[in-house]
Amino acid sequence: MKEDIKRTKEKSEKQSKEKSKEATKSKVQEYIEAIIIAILIAVVIRTFIVQAYKIPSRSMVPRLLVGDHLLVNKFIYGVKIPVIRRIIVPITDPKRGDIIVFIYPNDRTKDYIKRVIGVGGDKIEIKNKNIFINDQPYKDAFGIYSDDTIYPAIMQPRDNFGPVTVPKGSLFVMGDNRDESADSRFWGFVDLKDVEGKALVIYWSWNSEEQDNLLKKIRWQRLGNLLH
């Protein structure tokens, strides 16, 4: 009788331990599944919907400053298949005036950010810093010029350029800081398939040149600024 009770007790303890192990295993499995799902969601969001980007240069001053952190809308110009960059769900194309992030044609490991000046079919010409599109003066509401010097086209294309016609499926882009921007004047057109997205909003801005006050390093007034 005592042996039967002992066996029953041992069996019960064994079953209890097995259930405990199964419960622990189940929780670990749940955690792993949750982590995997979270990673997949993050990858999908970064690949197809929105991505963070940091401004590294002065080429888009004053609209964008060095140390600005942006969110880029990757969905607005269509859904692309990664790597081959083929658009499978077209939505809209970049328009003149859009601030876009794109793969730099001369080094595909880098992303650049510029403003669209010309789209496919546009005739672009620059005369003494003045932009002409399709032989008409361009109302340049965003460009600034920090250098009064005007270089002839034979020296460099910064101030006198073209005329050129933007090929179909391409864009002509420039930095808002016209005199301090390496852009389509120097290295050519941007292929539409290389456009990553449209700049959406500044979510963080950090002034690394500020030395006196840590809180002043944060450009509070720029946080949440929508980009256009």
Protein backbone atom coordinates (compact mmCIF):
# COMPACT_ATOMS: atom_id res chain seq x y z
CA MET A 1 0.00 0.00 0.00
CA LYS A 2 2.80 2.42 0.97
CA GLU A 3 4.70 1.51 -2.20
CA ASP A 4 1.61 2.28 -4.31
CA ILE A 5 1.26 5.66 -2.64
CA LYS A 6 4.96 6.33 -3.20
CA ARG A 7 4.75 5.39 -6.88
CA THR A 8 1.68 7.60 -7.31
CA LYS A 9 3.45 10.50 -5.63
CA GLU A 10 6.57 10.06 -7.78
CA LYS A 11 4.42 9.83 -10.92
CA SER A 12 2.57 12.97 -9.92
CA GLU A 13 5.82 14.84 -9.26
CA LYS A 14 7.21 13.70 -12.63
CA GLN A 15 4.10 14.85 -14.45
CA SER A 16 4.26 18.17 -12.61
CA LYS A 17 7.89 18.68 -13.65
CA GLU A 18 7.07 17.80 -17.26
CA LYS A 19 4.19 20.29 -17.27
CA SER A 20 6.48 22.93 -15.78
CA LYS A 21 9.08 22.29 -18.48
CA GLU A 22 6.42 22.43 -21.18
CA ALA A 23 5.11 25.72 -19.75
CA THR A 24 8.63 27.19 -19.66
CA LYS A 25 9.28 25.95 -23.20
CA SER A 26 5.99 27.42 -24.33
CA LYS A 27 6.85 30.85 -22.83
CA VAL A 28 10.30 30.84 -24.43
CA GLN A 29 8.73 29.91 -27.73
CA GLU A 30 6.22 32.75 -27.37
CA TYR A 31 9.02 35.24 -26.66
CA ILE A 32 11.01 34.04 -29.68
CA GLU A 33 7.97 34.24 -31.93
CA ALA A 34 7.17 37.76 -30.66
CA ILE A 35 10.76 38.89 -31.31
CA ILE A 36 10.76 37.39 -34.82
CA ILE A 37 7.42 39.05 -35.63
CA ALA A 38 8.67 42.40 -34.30
CA ILE A 39 11.82 42.14 -36.43
CA LEU A 40 9.78 41.25 -39.53
CA ILE A 41 7.44 44.18 -38.93
CA ALA A 42 10.43 46.53 -38.48
CA VAL A 43 12.01 45.25 -41.71
CA VAL A 44 8.77 45.68 -43.65
CA ILE A 45 8.28 49.22 -42.29
CA ARG A 46 11.88 50.22 -43.08
CA THR A 47 11.83 48.63 -46.54
CA PHE A 48 8.44 49.75 -47.78
CA ILE A 49 6.94 52.48 -45.58
CA VAL A 50 9.27 54.82 -43.65
CA GLN A 51 12.98 55.13 -42.95
CA ALA A 52 15.15 57.40 -40.81
CA TYR A 53 17.82 59.57 -42.42
CA LYS A 54 20.46 61.94 -41.01
CA ILE A 55 21.62 65.13 -42.74
CA PRO A 56 25.44 65.03 -43.05
CA SER A 57 26.17 68.19 -45.09
CA ARG A 58 25.17 71.81 -45.74
CA SER A 59 23.84 71.23 -49.26
CA MET A 60 20.18 71.71 -48.23
CA VAL A 61 20.66 74.71 -45.90
CA PRO A 62 18.55 76.52 -44.75
CA ARG A 63 15.71 74.00 -45.07
CA LEU A 64 17.81 71.17 -43.65
CA LEU A 65 20.71 71.58 -41.26
CA VAL A 66 23.62 69.31 -40.43
CA GLY A 67 22.41 67.12 -37.58
CA ASP A 68 18.75 67.05 -38.62
CA HIS A 69 17.20 63.59 -38.42
CA LEU A 70 14.32 62.93 -40.83
CA LEU A 71 11.67 60.38 -41.52
CA VAL A 72 11.40 59.55 -45.21
CA ASN A 73 8.13 58.36 -46.75
CA LYS A 74 9.14 55.35 -48.89
CA PHE A 75 5.59 54.41 -49.83
CA ILE A 76 4.54 57.58 -51.65
CA TYR A 77 6.47 56.84 -54.85
CA GLY A 78 5.36 53.22 -55.09
CA VAL A 79 6.25 49.82 -53.67
CA LYS A 80 9.58 48.49 -54.95
CA ILE A 81 11.04 45.00 -54.93
CA PRO A 82 14.26 45.27 -52.87
CA VAL A 83 17.63 44.83 -54.63
CA ILE A 84 16.27 44.89 -58.20
CA ARG A 85 14.28 48.04 -57.29
CA ARG A 86 11.43 47.31 -59.65
CA ILE A 87 8.20 49.16 -58.86
CA ILE A 88 5.35 46.66 -58.43
CA VAL A 89 2.72 49.04 -57.05
CA PRO A 90 3.02 52.47 -58.70
CA ILE A 91 1.48 55.37 -56.79
CA THR A 92 2.97 58.69 -57.93
CA ASP A 93 6.21 60.06 -59.33
CA PRO A 94 8.41 62.73 -57.72
CA LYS A 95 7.30 66.23 -58.64
CA ARG A 96 9.21 69.45 -59.10
CA GLY A 97 9.92 70.90 -55.65
CA ASP A 98 9.87 67.56 -53.77
CA ILE A 99 12.74 66.88 -51.36
CA ILE A 100 13.85 63.33 -52.10
CA VAL A 101 16.33 60.78 -50.79
CA PHE A 102 18.00 58.67 -53.46
CA ILE A 103 20.93 56.38 -54.12
CA TYR A 104 23.93 58.44 -55.19
CA PRO A 105 24.73 57.39 -58.79
CA ASN A 106 28.52 57.53 -58.35
CA ASP A 107 28.58 55.49 -55.13
CA ARG A 108 25.58 53.24 -54.59
CA THR A 109 26.50 52.65 -50.96
CA LYS A 110 25.49 56.25 -50.17
CA ASP A 111 22.15 58.04 -50.00
CA TYR A 112 21.84 61.71 -51.00
CA ILE A 113 19.07 64.21 -50.34
CA LYS A 114 18.22 67.01 -52.80
CA ARG A 115 15.26 68.92 -54.24
CA VAL A 116 13.71 67.96 -57.58
CA ILE A 117 14.18 70.74 -60.14
CA GLY A 118 13.40 68.94 -63.39
CA VAL A 119 11.48 65.80 -64.38
CA GLY A 120 11.57 63.70 -67.52
CA GLY A 121 11.27 65.84 -70.66
CA ASP A 122 12.19 69.15 -68.97
CA LYS A 123 14.83 71.32 -70.60
CA ILE A 124 17.19 72.67 -67.91
CA GLU A 125 19.53 75.60 -68.30
CA ILE A 126 21.36 77.79 -65.77
CA LYS A 127 22.57 81.28 -66.73
CA ASN A 128 24.58 83.24 -64.18
CA LYS A 129 22.93 81.32 -61.31
CA ASN A 130 19.40 81.79 -62.73
CA ILE A 131 17.53 78.58 -63.48
CA PHE A 132 15.44 78.19 -66.62
CA ILE A 133 13.06 75.30 -67.19
CA ASN A 134 11.71 74.81 -70.72
CA ASP A 135 13.13 78.26 -71.59
CA GLN A 136 11.12 79.92 -68.79
CA PRO A 137 12.59 81.47 -65.61
CA TYR A 138 12.13 79.14 -62.66
CA LYS A 139 10.55 80.74 -59.60
CA ASP A 140 13.24 79.59 -57.23
CA ALA A 141 11.55 79.94 -53.85
CA PHE A 142 13.99 77.63 -52.04
CA GLY A 143 17.47 78.34 -53.40
CA ILE A 144 20.04 80.48 -51.58
CA TYR A 145 23.39 81.74 -52.88
CA SER A 146 26.35 82.36 -50.58
CA ASP A 147 28.99 83.24 -53.17
CA ASP A 148 28.78 86.32 -55.43
CA THR A 149 31.36 84.86 -57.79
CA ILE A 150 29.95 83.65 -61.09
CA TYR A 151 31.97 80.99 -62.87
CA PRO A 152 31.73 80.47 -66.64
CA ALA A 153 30.65 77.02 -67.82
CA ILE A 154 34.13 76.36 -69.19
CA MET A 155 35.48 76.44 -65.63
CA GLN A 156 32.70 74.55 -63.81
CA PRO A 157 28.94 73.98 -64.17
CA ARG A 158 27.84 75.54 -60.86
CA ASP A 159 26.64 78.90 -62.20
CA ASN A 160 26.30 78.29 -65.93
CA PHE A 161 25.02 74.95 -67.11
CA GLY A 162 23.29 73.31 -70.07
CA PRO A 163 20.96 73.36 -71.77
CA VAL A 164 20.17 69.67 -71.22
CA THR A 165 16.94 67.69 -71.49
CA VAL A 166 16.08 65.38 -68.60
CA PRO A 167 15.67 61.83 -69.97
CA LYS A 168 12.40 59.98 -69.44
CA GLY A 169 12.47 58.10 -66.14
CA SER A 170 15.05 60.47 -64.66
CA LEU A 171 15.24 63.57 -62.46
CA PHE A 172 17.41 66.67 -62.30
CA VAL A 173 18.09 67.57 -58.65
CA MET A 174 19.84 70.40 -56.81
CA GLY A 175 20.61 71.31 -53.23
CA ASP A 176 18.84 74.39 -51.85
CA ASN A 177 22.26 75.76 -50.88
CA ARG A 178 23.07 76.23 -54.56
CA ASP A 179 26.69 77.33 -54.18
CA GLU A 180 27.63 74.51 -51.78
CA SER A 181 25.88 71.54 -53.35
CA ALA A 182 27.27 68.70 -55.46
CA ASP A 183 24.24 67.71 -57.51
CA SER A 184 22.95 67.02 -61.03
CA ARG A 185 25.00 69.93 -62.38
CA PHE A 186 28.14 67.94 -61.56
CA TRP A 187 27.27 64.23 -61.73
CA GLY A 188 24.13 63.94 -63.86
CA PHE A 189 20.58 62.67 -63.48
CA VAL A 190 18.89 60.49 -60.87
CA ASP A 191 17.12 57.36 -62.10
CA LEU A 192 13.54 57.12 -60.81
CA LYS A 193 14.15 53.56 -59.64
CA ASP A 194 16.92 54.85 -57.34
CA VAL A 195 14.61 57.22 -55.46
CA GLU A 196 14.21 55.97 -51.88
CA GLY A 197 11.41 58.28 -50.82
CA LYS A 198 10.20 61.78 -50.00
CA ALA A 199 11.43 63.68 -46.94
CA LEU A 200 8.51 63.88 -44.52
CA VAL A 201 9.33 65.37 -41.12
CA ILE A 202 12.22 66.34 -38.83
CA TYR A 203 11.92 64.18 -35.72
CA TRP A 204 15.24 65.16 -34.10
CA SER A 205 17.87 67.86 -34.60
CA TRP A 206 21.26 68.00 -32.90
CA ASN A 207 23.70 70.90 -33.13
CA SER A 208 27.12 69.35 -32.52
CA GLU A 209 28.82 72.76 -32.79
CA GLU A 210 27.11 74.06 -29.65
CA GLN A 211 29.66 73.81 -26.83
CA ASP A 212 28.22 75.78 -23.90
CA ASN A 213 24.98 74.06 -23.01
CA LEU A 214 23.95 70.45 -23.55
CA LEU A 215 20.26 71.36 -23.83
CA LYS A 216 21.07 73.99 -26.46
CA LYS A 217 22.50 71.24 -28.65
CA ILE A 218 18.91 70.14 -29.26
CA ARG A 219 17.23 72.41 -31.82
CA TRP A 220 13.83 72.25 -30.13
CA GLN A 221 12.14 74.59 -32.60
CA ARG A 222 12.89 72.21 -35.50
CA LEU A 223 11.38 69.09 -33.97
CA GLY A 224 8.21 68.02 -35.77
CA ASN A 225 8.74 70.37 -38.73
CA LEU A 226 7.05 69.03 -41.87
CA LEU A 227 9.21 69.22 -44.99
CA HIS A 228 8.18 70.73 -48.30
